[in-house]
N, C-alpha and C. Protein backbone atom coordinates (compact mmCIF):
# COMPACT_ATOMS: atom_id res chain seq x y z
N MET A 1 -233.39 77.44 -84.90
CA MET A 1 -233.21 76.15 -84.11
C MET A 1 -232.06 76.36 -83.06
N VAL A 2 -232.45 75.84 -81.86
CA VAL A 2 -231.43 76.18 -80.73
C VAL A 2 -230.75 74.74 -80.56
N GLY A 3 -229.32 74.95 -80.17
CA GLY A 3 -228.51 73.69 -79.86
C GLY A 3 -227.77 74.12 -78.69
N LYS A 4 -226.88 73.29 -78.26
CA LYS A 4 -226.18 73.46 -76.93
C LYS A 4 -225.24 74.66 -77.06
N ASP A 5 -225.63 75.63 -76.33
CA ASP A 5 -224.89 77.04 -76.48
C ASP A 5 -224.74 77.55 -77.87
N CYS A 6 -225.66 77.30 -78.80
CA CYS A 6 -225.60 77.77 -80.22
C CYS A 6 -226.91 77.91 -80.64
N VAL A 7 -227.05 78.79 -81.82
CA VAL A 7 -228.39 78.88 -82.39
C VAL A 7 -228.14 78.88 -83.73
N ALA A 8 -229.06 78.64 -84.76
CA ALA A 8 -228.92 78.76 -86.18
C ALA A 8 -230.28 79.28 -86.76
N ILE A 9 -230.09 80.12 -87.74
CA ILE A 9 -231.16 80.78 -88.47
C ILE A 9 -230.87 80.55 -89.85
N ALA A 10 -231.94 80.06 -90.61
CA ALA A 10 -231.76 79.65 -92.03
C ALA A 10 -232.94 80.19 -92.88
N CYS A 11 -232.61 80.53 -94.14
CA CYS A 11 -233.82 80.70 -95.11
C CYS A 11 -233.30 80.48 -96.47
N ASP A 12 -234.16 80.41 -97.54
CA ASP A 12 -233.81 80.44 -98.79
C ASP A 12 -233.64 81.66 -99.21
N LEU A 13 -233.03 81.89 -100.52
CA LEU A 13 -232.84 83.30 -100.83
C LEU A 13 -233.69 83.72 -102.31
N ARG A 14 -234.73 82.84 -102.35
CA ARG A 14 -235.60 82.96 -103.58
C ARG A 14 -236.54 84.08 -103.35
N LEU A 15 -236.89 84.89 -104.32
CA LEU A 15 -237.68 86.03 -104.40
C LEU A 15 -238.68 85.65 -105.50
N GLY A 16 -240.01 85.26 -105.28
CA GLY A 16 -241.03 84.69 -106.25
C GLY A 16 -242.24 85.19 -106.15
N LEU A 17 -243.03 85.02 -107.19
CA LEU A 17 -244.42 85.28 -107.40
C LEU A 17 -245.12 84.07 -107.66
N GLN A 18 -245.56 83.36 -106.68
CA GLN A 18 -246.13 82.04 -106.92
C GLN A 18 -245.12 81.10 -107.58
N ALA A 19 -245.38 80.68 -108.75
CA ALA A 19 -244.36 79.67 -109.44
C ALA A 19 -243.11 80.47 -110.09
N LEU A 20 -243.41 81.73 -110.37
CA LEU A 20 -242.42 82.62 -111.02
C LEU A 20 -241.24 82.89 -110.04
N THR A 21 -240.08 82.66 -110.38
CA THR A 21 -238.86 82.96 -109.59
C THR A 21 -238.14 84.32 -110.16
N VAL A 22 -238.28 85.42 -109.34
CA VAL A 22 -237.78 86.62 -109.72
C VAL A 22 -236.19 86.75 -109.56
N SER A 23 -235.82 86.39 -108.42
CA SER A 23 -234.46 86.47 -108.02
C SER A 23 -234.09 85.18 -107.12
N ASN A 24 -232.75 84.97 -107.14
CA ASN A 24 -232.22 83.88 -106.25
C ASN A 24 -231.22 84.39 -105.23
N ASN A 25 -231.21 85.90 -105.18
CA ASN A 25 -230.40 86.59 -104.27
C ASN A 25 -231.14 87.46 -103.40
N ASN A 26 -232.18 87.06 -102.83
CA ASN A 26 -232.98 88.02 -102.06
C ASN A 26 -232.62 87.87 -100.36
N PRO A 27 -232.04 88.72 -99.73
CA PRO A 27 -231.67 88.39 -98.33
C PRO A 27 -232.91 88.57 -97.51
N LYS A 28 -233.13 87.55 -96.54
CA LYS A 28 -234.17 87.73 -95.57
C LYS A 28 -233.61 87.52 -94.25
N ILE A 29 -232.25 87.42 -94.02
CA ILE A 29 -231.81 87.28 -92.61
C ILE A 29 -230.73 88.59 -92.47
N PHE A 30 -230.92 89.22 -91.29
CA PHE A 30 -230.16 90.44 -91.09
C PHE A 30 -229.52 90.52 -89.92
N SER A 31 -228.30 90.86 -89.95
CA SER A 31 -227.55 90.86 -88.51
C SER A 31 -227.68 92.32 -87.93
N TYR A 32 -227.96 92.40 -86.63
CA TYR A 32 -228.02 93.58 -85.87
C TYR A 32 -227.02 93.55 -84.65
N GLY A 33 -225.88 93.06 -84.96
CA GLY A 33 -224.87 92.90 -83.87
C GLY A 33 -224.07 91.67 -84.07
N ASP A 34 -223.22 91.34 -83.05
CA ASP A 34 -222.41 90.27 -83.28
C ASP A 34 -223.25 88.96 -82.99
N THR A 35 -224.25 89.00 -82.20
CA THR A 35 -225.01 87.85 -81.67
C THR A 35 -226.51 88.00 -81.96
N VAL A 36 -226.89 89.01 -82.66
CA VAL A 36 -228.42 89.13 -82.78
C VAL A 36 -228.77 89.05 -84.37
N TYR A 37 -229.70 88.29 -84.62
CA TYR A 37 -230.22 88.03 -86.12
C TYR A 37 -231.66 88.10 -86.26
N LEU A 38 -232.01 88.71 -87.28
CA LEU A 38 -233.47 88.79 -87.42
C LEU A 38 -233.84 88.30 -88.93
N GLY A 39 -234.73 87.39 -88.88
CA GLY A 39 -235.30 86.60 -90.03
C GLY A 39 -236.63 87.29 -90.48
N LEU A 40 -236.88 87.68 -91.67
CA LEU A 40 -238.12 88.27 -92.06
C LEU A 40 -238.62 87.43 -93.22
N THR A 41 -240.13 87.06 -93.07
CA THR A 41 -240.66 86.46 -94.27
C THR A 41 -241.93 87.40 -94.40
N GLY A 42 -242.28 87.47 -95.72
CA GLY A 42 -243.51 88.28 -95.92
C GLY A 42 -243.29 89.00 -97.30
N LEU A 43 -244.16 90.12 -97.33
CA LEU A 43 -244.10 91.05 -98.79
C LEU A 43 -242.71 91.56 -98.71
N ALA A 44 -241.99 91.46 -99.92
CA ALA A 44 -240.61 91.85 -100.03
C ALA A 44 -240.35 93.19 -99.83
N THR A 45 -241.34 94.31 -100.13
CA THR A 45 -241.15 95.60 -99.82
C THR A 45 -241.11 96.01 -98.32
N ASP A 46 -242.07 95.17 -97.68
CA ASP A 46 -242.17 95.38 -96.15
C ASP A 46 -241.01 94.78 -95.57
N VAL A 47 -240.25 93.63 -96.00
CA VAL A 47 -239.04 92.96 -95.54
C VAL A 47 -238.05 94.10 -95.56
N ALA A 48 -237.80 94.83 -96.75
CA ALA A 48 -236.86 95.86 -96.67
C ALA A 48 -237.09 97.06 -95.94
N SER A 49 -238.39 97.49 -95.77
CA SER A 49 -238.63 98.66 -95.05
C SER A 49 -238.47 98.28 -93.61
N VAL A 50 -238.91 97.19 -93.12
CA VAL A 50 -238.62 96.79 -91.69
C VAL A 50 -237.38 96.65 -91.21
N SER A 51 -236.53 96.01 -92.23
CA SER A 51 -235.05 95.74 -91.91
C SER A 51 -234.32 97.09 -91.82
N ASP A 52 -234.67 98.04 -92.61
CA ASP A 52 -234.06 99.42 -92.47
C ASP A 52 -234.57 100.09 -91.21
N LEU A 53 -235.59 99.93 -90.77
CA LEU A 53 -236.27 100.62 -89.61
C LEU A 53 -235.71 100.10 -88.34
N PHE A 54 -235.42 98.74 -88.43
CA PHE A 54 -234.68 98.15 -87.23
C PHE A 54 -233.19 98.45 -87.30
N ARG A 55 -232.64 98.57 -88.38
CA ARG A 55 -231.29 98.96 -88.40
C ARG A 55 -231.18 100.45 -87.70
N PHE A 56 -232.10 101.27 -88.23
CA PHE A 56 -231.98 102.67 -87.41
C PHE A 56 -232.30 102.60 -85.96
N LYS A 57 -233.18 101.75 -85.58
CA LYS A 57 -233.50 101.69 -84.22
C LYS A 57 -232.51 101.08 -83.26
N VAL A 58 -231.78 100.10 -83.80
CA VAL A 58 -230.55 99.42 -83.12
C VAL A 58 -229.39 100.37 -83.10
N ASN A 59 -229.25 101.17 -84.24
CA ASN A 59 -228.05 102.13 -84.14
C ASN A 59 -228.41 103.13 -83.06
N MET A 60 -229.71 103.67 -82.96
CA MET A 60 -229.97 104.65 -82.06
C MET A 60 -229.79 104.03 -80.66
N TYR A 61 -230.15 102.89 -80.54
CA TYR A 61 -230.01 102.12 -79.11
C TYR A 61 -228.62 102.06 -78.70
N ARG A 62 -227.72 101.72 -79.72
CA ARG A 62 -226.19 101.56 -79.52
C ARG A 62 -225.74 103.05 -79.16
N LEU A 63 -226.29 103.95 -79.85
CA LEU A 63 -225.71 105.34 -79.44
C LEU A 63 -226.13 105.79 -77.98
N ARG A 64 -227.44 105.48 -77.82
CA ARG A 64 -227.92 105.94 -76.54
C ARG A 64 -227.31 105.11 -75.29
N GLU A 65 -227.47 103.95 -75.46
CA GLU A 65 -226.90 102.92 -74.35
C GLU A 65 -225.36 102.54 -74.16
N GLU A 66 -224.76 102.98 -75.37
CA GLU A 66 -223.35 102.54 -75.37
C GLU A 66 -222.90 101.20 -75.25
N ARG A 67 -223.74 100.24 -75.79
CA ARG A 67 -223.54 98.81 -75.72
C ARG A 67 -224.44 98.23 -76.92
N PRO A 68 -223.94 97.05 -77.23
CA PRO A 68 -224.69 96.24 -78.15
C PRO A 68 -226.06 95.80 -77.56
N ILE A 69 -226.96 95.64 -78.56
CA ILE A 69 -228.36 95.20 -78.15
C ILE A 69 -228.42 93.76 -77.86
N ALA A 70 -229.12 93.28 -76.75
CA ALA A 70 -229.13 91.85 -76.42
C ALA A 70 -230.33 91.26 -77.26
N PRO A 71 -230.37 90.05 -77.52
CA PRO A 71 -231.47 89.41 -78.36
C PRO A 71 -232.87 89.57 -77.58
N GLU A 72 -232.87 89.59 -76.13
CA GLU A 72 -234.19 89.65 -75.59
C GLU A 72 -234.71 91.13 -75.68
N THR A 73 -233.76 92.06 -75.55
CA THR A 73 -234.12 93.61 -75.74
C THR A 73 -234.64 93.76 -77.22
N PHE A 74 -233.90 93.19 -78.25
CA PHE A 74 -234.37 93.34 -79.61
C PHE A 74 -235.64 92.79 -79.83
N ALA A 75 -235.91 91.58 -79.27
CA ALA A 75 -237.26 91.01 -79.39
C ALA A 75 -238.33 91.93 -78.87
N ASN A 76 -238.13 92.58 -77.71
CA ASN A 76 -239.10 93.63 -77.19
C ASN A 76 -239.33 94.82 -78.12
N LEU A 77 -238.18 95.40 -78.84
CA LEU A 77 -238.09 96.33 -79.70
C LEU A 77 -238.88 96.03 -80.98
N VAL A 78 -238.72 94.87 -81.44
CA VAL A 78 -239.50 94.18 -82.58
C VAL A 78 -241.02 94.18 -82.21
N SER A 79 -241.29 93.67 -81.11
CA SER A 79 -242.71 93.61 -80.65
C SER A 79 -243.42 94.92 -80.67
N SER A 80 -242.82 95.84 -80.04
CA SER A 80 -243.37 97.13 -79.92
C SER A 80 -243.46 97.92 -81.11
N SER A 81 -242.46 97.82 -81.99
CA SER A 81 -242.51 98.51 -83.26
C SER A 81 -243.62 97.96 -84.24
N LEU A 82 -243.80 96.48 -84.18
CA LEU A 82 -244.86 96.11 -84.92
C LEU A 82 -246.28 96.51 -84.33
N TYR A 83 -246.41 96.51 -83.09
CA TYR A 83 -247.57 96.83 -82.34
C TYR A 83 -248.08 98.36 -82.74
N GLU A 84 -246.92 99.15 -82.91
CA GLU A 84 -247.24 100.62 -83.30
C GLU A 84 -248.01 100.59 -84.50
N ARG A 85 -247.87 99.66 -85.42
CA ARG A 85 -248.47 99.72 -86.73
C ARG A 85 -249.85 98.64 -86.74
N ARG A 86 -250.30 98.35 -85.59
CA ARG A 86 -251.38 97.42 -85.63
C ARG A 86 -252.52 97.58 -86.49
N PHE A 87 -252.90 98.91 -86.66
CA PHE A 87 -254.06 99.24 -87.65
C PHE A 87 -253.65 99.17 -88.82
N GLY A 88 -252.50 99.18 -89.48
CA GLY A 88 -252.03 99.16 -90.73
C GLY A 88 -250.64 98.43 -90.80
N PRO A 89 -250.72 97.14 -90.40
CA PRO A 89 -249.47 96.40 -90.17
C PRO A 89 -248.67 96.18 -91.11
N TRP A 90 -247.31 95.98 -91.00
CA TRP A 90 -246.26 95.30 -92.09
C TRP A 90 -246.72 93.93 -92.25
N PHE A 91 -246.66 93.55 -93.62
CA PHE A 91 -247.03 92.03 -93.82
C PHE A 91 -245.75 91.24 -93.74
N VAL A 92 -245.14 91.15 -92.54
CA VAL A 92 -244.07 90.34 -92.13
C VAL A 92 -244.19 89.54 -91.03
N SER A 93 -243.55 88.40 -90.87
CA SER A 93 -243.38 87.57 -89.86
C SER A 93 -242.15 87.32 -89.32
N PRO A 94 -241.57 88.26 -88.38
CA PRO A 94 -240.12 88.27 -87.88
C PRO A 94 -239.88 86.86 -87.06
N VAL A 95 -238.57 86.56 -87.20
CA VAL A 95 -237.98 85.59 -86.10
C VAL A 95 -236.71 86.28 -85.65
N VAL A 96 -236.55 86.16 -84.37
CA VAL A 96 -235.27 86.75 -83.86
C VAL A 96 -234.55 85.51 -83.26
N ALA A 97 -233.13 85.54 -83.49
CA ALA A 97 -232.24 84.38 -83.00
C ALA A 97 -231.04 85.04 -82.53
N GLY A 98 -230.52 84.50 -81.49
CA GLY A 98 -229.15 85.21 -81.00
C GLY A 98 -228.85 84.46 -79.75
N ILE A 99 -227.62 84.84 -79.27
CA ILE A 99 -226.91 84.49 -78.00
C ILE A 99 -226.82 85.61 -77.18
N ASN A 100 -227.30 85.60 -75.88
CA ASN A 100 -227.07 86.61 -74.93
C ASN A 100 -225.57 86.75 -74.52
N ALA A 101 -224.97 87.91 -74.86
CA ALA A 101 -223.43 88.00 -74.60
C ALA A 101 -223.08 87.87 -73.17
N THR A 102 -223.92 88.10 -72.14
CA THR A 102 -223.55 88.13 -70.86
C THR A 102 -223.82 86.69 -70.20
N THR A 103 -224.88 86.16 -70.54
CA THR A 103 -225.14 84.69 -69.98
C THR A 103 -224.82 83.57 -70.91
N GLY A 104 -224.55 83.85 -72.18
CA GLY A 104 -224.21 82.79 -73.08
C GLY A 104 -225.27 81.94 -73.48
N LYS A 105 -226.61 82.18 -73.16
CA LYS A 105 -227.81 81.37 -73.36
C LYS A 105 -228.23 81.66 -74.83
N PRO A 106 -228.72 80.68 -75.54
CA PRO A 106 -229.33 80.91 -76.98
C PRO A 106 -230.66 81.44 -76.62
N PHE A 107 -231.05 82.26 -77.69
CA PHE A 107 -232.64 82.88 -77.60
C PHE A 107 -233.21 82.77 -78.85
N ILE A 108 -234.45 82.35 -79.02
CA ILE A 108 -235.12 82.40 -80.28
C ILE A 108 -236.55 82.78 -79.94
N CYS A 109 -237.26 83.65 -80.87
CA CYS A 109 -238.67 83.74 -80.67
C CYS A 109 -239.16 84.31 -82.05
N GLY A 110 -240.50 84.19 -82.23
CA GLY A 110 -241.21 84.54 -83.32
C GLY A 110 -242.30 85.56 -83.11
N PHE A 111 -242.80 86.13 -84.15
CA PHE A 111 -243.73 87.20 -84.02
C PHE A 111 -244.93 86.99 -85.04
N ASP A 112 -246.06 87.46 -84.79
CA ASP A 112 -247.15 87.60 -85.76
C ASP A 112 -246.97 89.03 -86.42
N SER A 113 -247.91 89.45 -87.19
CA SER A 113 -247.70 90.74 -88.05
C SER A 113 -248.03 91.87 -87.07
N ILE A 114 -248.58 91.70 -85.78
CA ILE A 114 -248.85 92.81 -84.96
C ILE A 114 -248.01 92.69 -83.72
N GLY A 115 -247.03 91.82 -83.64
CA GLY A 115 -246.06 91.91 -82.54
C GLY A 115 -246.31 91.07 -81.41
N CYS A 116 -247.16 90.13 -81.51
CA CYS A 116 -247.32 89.10 -80.45
C CYS A 116 -246.10 88.10 -80.49
N ILE A 117 -245.40 88.16 -79.24
CA ILE A 117 -244.12 87.41 -79.20
C ILE A 117 -244.65 85.76 -78.88
N ASP A 118 -243.88 84.86 -79.63
CA ASP A 118 -243.98 83.37 -79.36
C ASP A 118 -242.61 83.00 -78.99
N PHE A 119 -242.50 82.96 -77.66
CA PHE A 119 -241.06 82.37 -77.19
C PHE A 119 -240.98 80.90 -77.38
N ALA A 120 -239.79 80.34 -77.69
CA ALA A 120 -239.65 79.08 -77.84
C ALA A 120 -238.15 78.54 -77.34
N LYS A 121 -238.11 77.29 -76.81
CA LYS A 121 -236.93 76.84 -76.47
C LYS A 121 -236.15 75.77 -77.35
N ASP A 122 -236.92 75.52 -78.34
CA ASP A 122 -236.43 74.45 -79.31
C ASP A 122 -236.22 75.04 -80.79
N PHE A 123 -237.23 75.48 -81.35
CA PHE A 123 -237.22 75.89 -82.63
C PHE A 123 -238.38 76.89 -83.07
N ILE A 124 -238.31 77.61 -83.96
CA ILE A 124 -239.42 78.63 -84.60
C ILE A 124 -239.26 78.46 -86.05
N VAL A 125 -240.50 78.42 -86.72
CA VAL A 125 -240.62 78.31 -88.10
C VAL A 125 -241.55 79.60 -88.56
N SER A 126 -241.28 80.13 -89.71
CA SER A 126 -241.88 81.12 -90.36
C SER A 126 -242.12 81.06 -91.83
N GLY A 127 -243.18 81.53 -92.43
CA GLY A 127 -243.18 81.50 -93.98
C GLY A 127 -244.35 80.71 -94.42
N THR A 128 -244.38 80.60 -95.81
CA THR A 128 -245.39 80.02 -96.43
C THR A 128 -245.50 78.48 -96.22
N ALA A 129 -244.25 77.91 -96.04
CA ALA A 129 -244.29 76.31 -95.82
C ALA A 129 -244.08 76.00 -94.35
N ASP A 130 -244.58 76.82 -93.53
CA ASP A 130 -244.39 76.64 -92.04
C ASP A 130 -244.83 75.41 -91.60
N ASP A 131 -245.88 74.85 -92.07
CA ASP A 131 -246.49 73.64 -91.46
C ASP A 131 -245.70 72.49 -91.85
N GLN A 132 -245.04 72.31 -93.08
CA GLN A 132 -244.05 71.33 -93.47
C GLN A 132 -242.88 71.56 -92.64
N LEU A 133 -242.32 72.67 -92.34
CA LEU A 133 -241.28 72.98 -91.55
C LEU A 133 -241.41 72.57 -90.07
N TYR A 134 -242.54 72.64 -89.57
CA TYR A 134 -242.77 72.14 -88.23
C TYR A 134 -242.48 70.50 -88.18
N GLY A 135 -242.83 69.83 -89.13
CA GLY A 135 -242.83 68.55 -89.12
C GLY A 135 -241.21 68.01 -89.31
N MET A 136 -240.53 68.86 -89.99
CA MET A 136 -239.07 68.63 -90.30
C MET A 136 -238.35 68.94 -88.99
N CYS A 137 -238.65 70.04 -88.39
CA CYS A 137 -237.92 70.47 -87.23
C CYS A 137 -238.30 69.50 -86.00
N GLU A 138 -239.35 69.13 -85.95
CA GLU A 138 -239.80 68.11 -84.86
C GLU A 138 -239.00 66.85 -84.96
N GLY A 139 -238.80 66.57 -86.37
CA GLY A 139 -238.11 65.21 -86.50
C GLY A 139 -236.55 65.38 -86.34
N LEU A 140 -235.99 66.51 -86.56
CA LEU A 140 -234.67 66.71 -86.35
C LEU A 140 -234.13 67.39 -85.13
N TRP A 141 -235.01 68.03 -84.38
CA TRP A 141 -234.53 68.56 -82.97
C TRP A 141 -234.58 67.67 -82.07
N GLU A 142 -233.57 67.77 -81.03
CA GLU A 142 -233.29 66.97 -79.94
C GLU A 142 -232.55 67.82 -78.91
N PRO A 143 -232.83 67.67 -77.72
CA PRO A 143 -232.13 68.51 -76.52
C PRO A 143 -230.57 68.42 -76.72
N ASP A 144 -229.95 69.65 -76.54
CA ASP A 144 -228.47 69.96 -76.44
C ASP A 144 -227.92 69.48 -77.84
N LEU A 145 -228.57 69.78 -78.87
CA LEU A 145 -227.80 69.56 -80.20
C LEU A 145 -226.41 70.19 -80.22
N VAL A 146 -225.43 69.44 -80.78
CA VAL A 146 -224.07 70.09 -80.81
C VAL A 146 -223.99 70.81 -82.29
N SER A 147 -224.59 70.27 -83.25
CA SER A 147 -224.61 70.78 -84.61
C SER A 147 -225.97 71.03 -85.21
N VAL A 148 -226.42 72.35 -85.19
CA VAL A 148 -227.81 72.45 -85.61
C VAL A 148 -228.04 72.66 -87.07
N LEU A 149 -226.77 72.52 -87.80
CA LEU A 149 -226.83 72.67 -89.27
C LEU A 149 -226.94 71.38 -89.98
N SER A 150 -226.73 70.20 -89.28
CA SER A 150 -226.55 68.95 -89.95
C SER A 150 -227.93 68.46 -90.76
N GLY A 151 -229.00 68.92 -90.32
CA GLY A 151 -230.20 68.43 -90.99
C GLY A 151 -230.81 69.58 -91.98
N LEU A 152 -230.30 70.70 -92.09
CA LEU A 152 -230.94 71.86 -92.97
C LEU A 152 -230.50 71.41 -94.42
N ASN A 153 -231.42 71.40 -95.26
CA ASN A 153 -231.33 70.89 -96.66
C ASN A 153 -232.41 71.81 -97.48
N ALA A 154 -231.93 72.49 -98.43
CA ALA A 154 -232.75 73.20 -99.26
C ALA A 154 -233.94 72.37 -100.02
N GLU A 155 -233.34 71.11 -100.32
CA GLU A 155 -234.36 70.27 -101.09
C GLU A 155 -235.23 69.52 -100.30
N THR A 156 -235.39 69.71 -98.86
CA THR A 156 -236.28 68.78 -98.16
C THR A 156 -237.78 68.94 -98.53
N LEU A 157 -238.15 70.10 -98.81
CA LEU A 157 -239.59 70.32 -98.99
C LEU A 157 -240.01 70.25 -100.33
N THR A 158 -239.01 70.83 -101.28
CA THR A 158 -239.43 70.72 -102.71
C THR A 158 -238.12 70.32 -103.67
N SER A 159 -238.25 70.14 -104.77
CA SER A 159 -237.02 69.80 -105.67
C SER A 159 -236.41 71.19 -106.14
N TYR A 160 -236.87 72.38 -105.73
CA TYR A 160 -236.39 73.53 -106.11
C TYR A 160 -235.03 73.76 -105.52
N ARG A 161 -233.97 74.00 -106.22
CA ARG A 161 -232.62 74.10 -105.65
C ARG A 161 -232.32 75.65 -105.46
N ALA A 162 -232.76 76.04 -104.37
CA ALA A 162 -232.60 77.37 -103.86
C ALA A 162 -231.43 77.40 -102.87
N PRO A 163 -230.45 78.31 -103.08
CA PRO A 163 -229.22 78.47 -102.14
C PRO A 163 -229.75 78.64 -100.62
N MET A 164 -229.19 77.97 -99.78
CA MET A 164 -229.46 78.30 -98.36
C MET A 164 -228.65 79.35 -97.68
N ASN A 165 -229.14 80.02 -96.79
CA ASN A 165 -228.24 81.08 -96.01
C ASN A 165 -228.16 80.75 -94.66
N CYS A 166 -227.60 79.55 -94.39
CA CYS A 166 -227.41 79.23 -93.13
C CYS A 166 -225.89 79.06 -92.51
N SER A 167 -224.96 78.56 -93.31
CA SER A 167 -223.77 78.35 -92.69
C SER A 167 -223.03 79.44 -92.14
N ARG A 168 -223.33 80.79 -92.74
CA ARG A 168 -222.70 81.84 -92.38
C ARG A 168 -223.54 82.46 -91.16
N ARG A 169 -224.75 81.98 -90.85
CA ARG A 169 -225.49 82.62 -89.81
C ARG A 169 -225.48 81.86 -88.53
N LEU A 170 -224.64 80.85 -88.25
CA LEU A 170 -224.46 80.02 -87.08
C LEU A 170 -223.70 81.07 -86.21
N VAL A 171 -224.40 81.21 -84.99
CA VAL A 171 -223.67 82.05 -83.94
C VAL A 171 -223.32 81.18 -82.85
N ARG A 172 -222.14 81.25 -82.44
CA ARG A 172 -221.66 80.45 -81.26
C ARG A 172 -221.20 81.33 -80.13
N HIS A 173 -221.09 80.74 -78.98
CA HIS A 173 -220.55 81.39 -77.73
C HIS A 173 -219.55 80.33 -77.25
N TYR A 174 -218.38 80.70 -77.08
CA TYR A 174 -217.38 79.88 -76.55
C TYR A 174 -217.29 80.23 -74.94
């Protein structure tokens, strides 16, 4: 979700198989620099593989370019990497969130499993409950939000008390 000069990315930490909870400490948000985050939903093994692949590609970018990767550049990297596997795709739906270090503008976008980019100026949702999340985000979002974390609650959709991974993922540009 985008606010006034800030962006937030949140997820639950649950790893489950339908109604069975396997773990309550499964990371789904990964940092690829000071202002670039990637959220991955989908098959847990593909989430781990894709996050490691992007860690390698971002490190190679940093070595080659001698600068950190911008969110827009990272979005194009994600798109082209997913499109490379279009005939045997990863079962993930990535979301990129970050703030451009040079302009200070917040940036968010989402992808399908073969890399088609969905740019947004307000919010992006992904996962099995994305239909319900669209309604919640439409109700909470307004232009130039000052605090984008005020409406995030783990118990909004279900009574399942899953820890949220959002307060540490707020990226601000001063």
